[in-house]
Amino acid sequence: FLQGMAFAALAFHFSAEENRESAQLFVCDALAILPGYLPACAGVQVQPVLDSLGELQDRLHAADMTQSLNVISSVRALRFSAGVAA
């Protein structure tokens, strides 16, 4: 789970740096791992992270290479389960 979250964080980091190739690699890695932890792991809701990664992946595959990637926030993707201390 932590490796998948690290891959997601790296995908968001590289997208903020407009490094499309590295962002795509880490999106794929994160999407290969994180679905196995639905709906939540360690108090973190996984679906919002997957949704943000999917949005990022769509932008990476868009034909318009001039479209900025840094509009997708990794902070927006983090949701914690009720009753679990962060």
Protein backbone atom coordinates (compact mmCIF):
# COMPACT_ATOMS: atom_id res chain seq x y z
CA PHE A 1 0.00 0.00 0.00
CA LEU A 2 2.75 2.43 0.93
CA GLN A 3 4.60 1.72 -2.28
CA GLY A 4 1.43 2.43 -4.27
CA MET A 5 0.90 5.70 -2.39
CA ALA A 6 4.54 6.65 -3.00
CA PHE A 7 4.06 5.98 -6.72
CA ALA A 8 0.94 8.17 -6.68
CA ALA A 9 2.82 10.96 -4.90
CA LEU A 10 5.62 10.76 -7.47
CA ALA A 11 3.11 10.84 -10.32
CA PHE A 12 1.59 14.05 -8.92
CA HIS A 13 5.06 15.50 -8.29
CA PHE A 14 6.26 14.87 -11.84
CA SER A 15 3.01 16.21 -13.28
CA ALA A 16 3.55 19.45 -11.33
CA GLU A 17 7.01 19.60 -12.90
CA GLU A 18 5.44 18.98 -16.34
CA ASN A 19 7.52 15.80 -16.71
CA ARG A 20 4.96 13.78 -18.66
CA GLU A 21 7.07 10.66 -19.22
CA SER A 22 7.92 10.15 -15.54
CA ALA A 23 4.39 11.07 -14.45
CA GLN A 24 2.95 8.42 -16.80
CA LEU A 25 5.31 5.74 -15.49
CA PHE A 26 4.32 6.38 -11.89
CA VAL A 27 0.60 6.67 -12.70
CA CYS A 28 0.76 3.19 -14.24
CA ASP A 29 2.68 1.80 -11.27
CA ALA A 30 0.24 3.30 -8.75
CA LEU A 31 -2.79 2.07 -10.71
CA ALA A 32 -1.33 -1.44 -10.74
CA ILE A 33 -1.08 -1.55 -6.94
CA LEU A 34 -3.72 0.63 -5.29
CA PRO A 35 -6.94 -1.03 -6.54
CA GLY A 36 -6.02 -4.02 -4.37
CA TYR A 37 -6.57 -1.85 -1.29
CA LEU A 38 -10.13 -0.66 -2.00
CA PRO A 39 -12.08 0.76 -0.29
CA ALA A 40 -9.56 1.89 2.32
CA CYS A 41 -6.25 1.02 3.90
CA ALA A 42 -4.65 2.43 7.04
CA GLY A 43 -7.50 4.90 7.31
CA VAL A 44 -6.93 6.32 3.82
CA GLN A 45 -9.79 6.12 1.32
CA VAL A 46 -8.26 4.73 -1.86
CA GLN A 47 -10.96 5.61 -4.42
CA PRO A 48 -10.32 9.39 -4.40
CA VAL A 49 -6.63 8.73 -5.07
CA LEU A 50 -7.54 6.41 -7.94
CA ASP A 51 -9.95 9.01 -9.33
CA SER A 52 -7.23 11.68 -9.32
CA LEU A 53 -4.74 9.30 -10.92
CA GLY A 54 -7.30 8.49 -13.61
CA GLU A 55 -7.84 12.20 -14.27
CA LEU A 56 -4.09 12.68 -14.53
CA GLN A 57 -3.78 9.72 -16.87
CA ASP A 58 -6.51 11.20 -19.11
CA ARG A 59 -4.59 14.48 -19.28
CA LEU A 60 -1.37 12.65 -20.07
CA HIS A 61 -3.05 10.88 -22.98
CA ALA A 62 -4.72 14.04 -24.28
CA ALA A 63 -3.67 15.06 -27.75
CA ASP A 64 -3.07 18.63 -26.59
CA MET A 65 0.44 18.47 -25.17
CA THR A 66 0.26 22.16 -24.27
CA GLN A 67 -2.41 21.54 -21.62
CA SER A 68 -0.92 22.01 -18.17
CA LEU A 69 -0.81 18.99 -15.88
CA ASN A 70 -0.33 20.82 -12.60
CA VAL A 71 -4.04 21.55 -12.11
CA ILE A 72 -4.53 18.13 -10.50
CA SER A 73 -3.90 18.34 -6.80
CA SER A 74 -2.68 15.34 -4.85
CA VAL A 75 -4.02 16.96 -1.67
CA ARG A 76 -7.53 16.86 -3.13
CA ALA A 77 -7.17 13.09 -3.48
CA LEU A 78 -6.50 12.41 0.21
CA ARG A 79 -9.53 11.38 2.25
CA PHE A 80 -9.43 9.66 5.60
CA SER A 81 -11.93 7.19 6.99
CA ALA A 82 -14.05 8.39 9.90
CA GLY A 83 -12.77 7.47 13.33
CA VAL A 84 -9.19 6.96 12.25
CA ALA A 85 -6.55 9.34 13.52
CA ALA A 86 -4.45 10.78 10.72
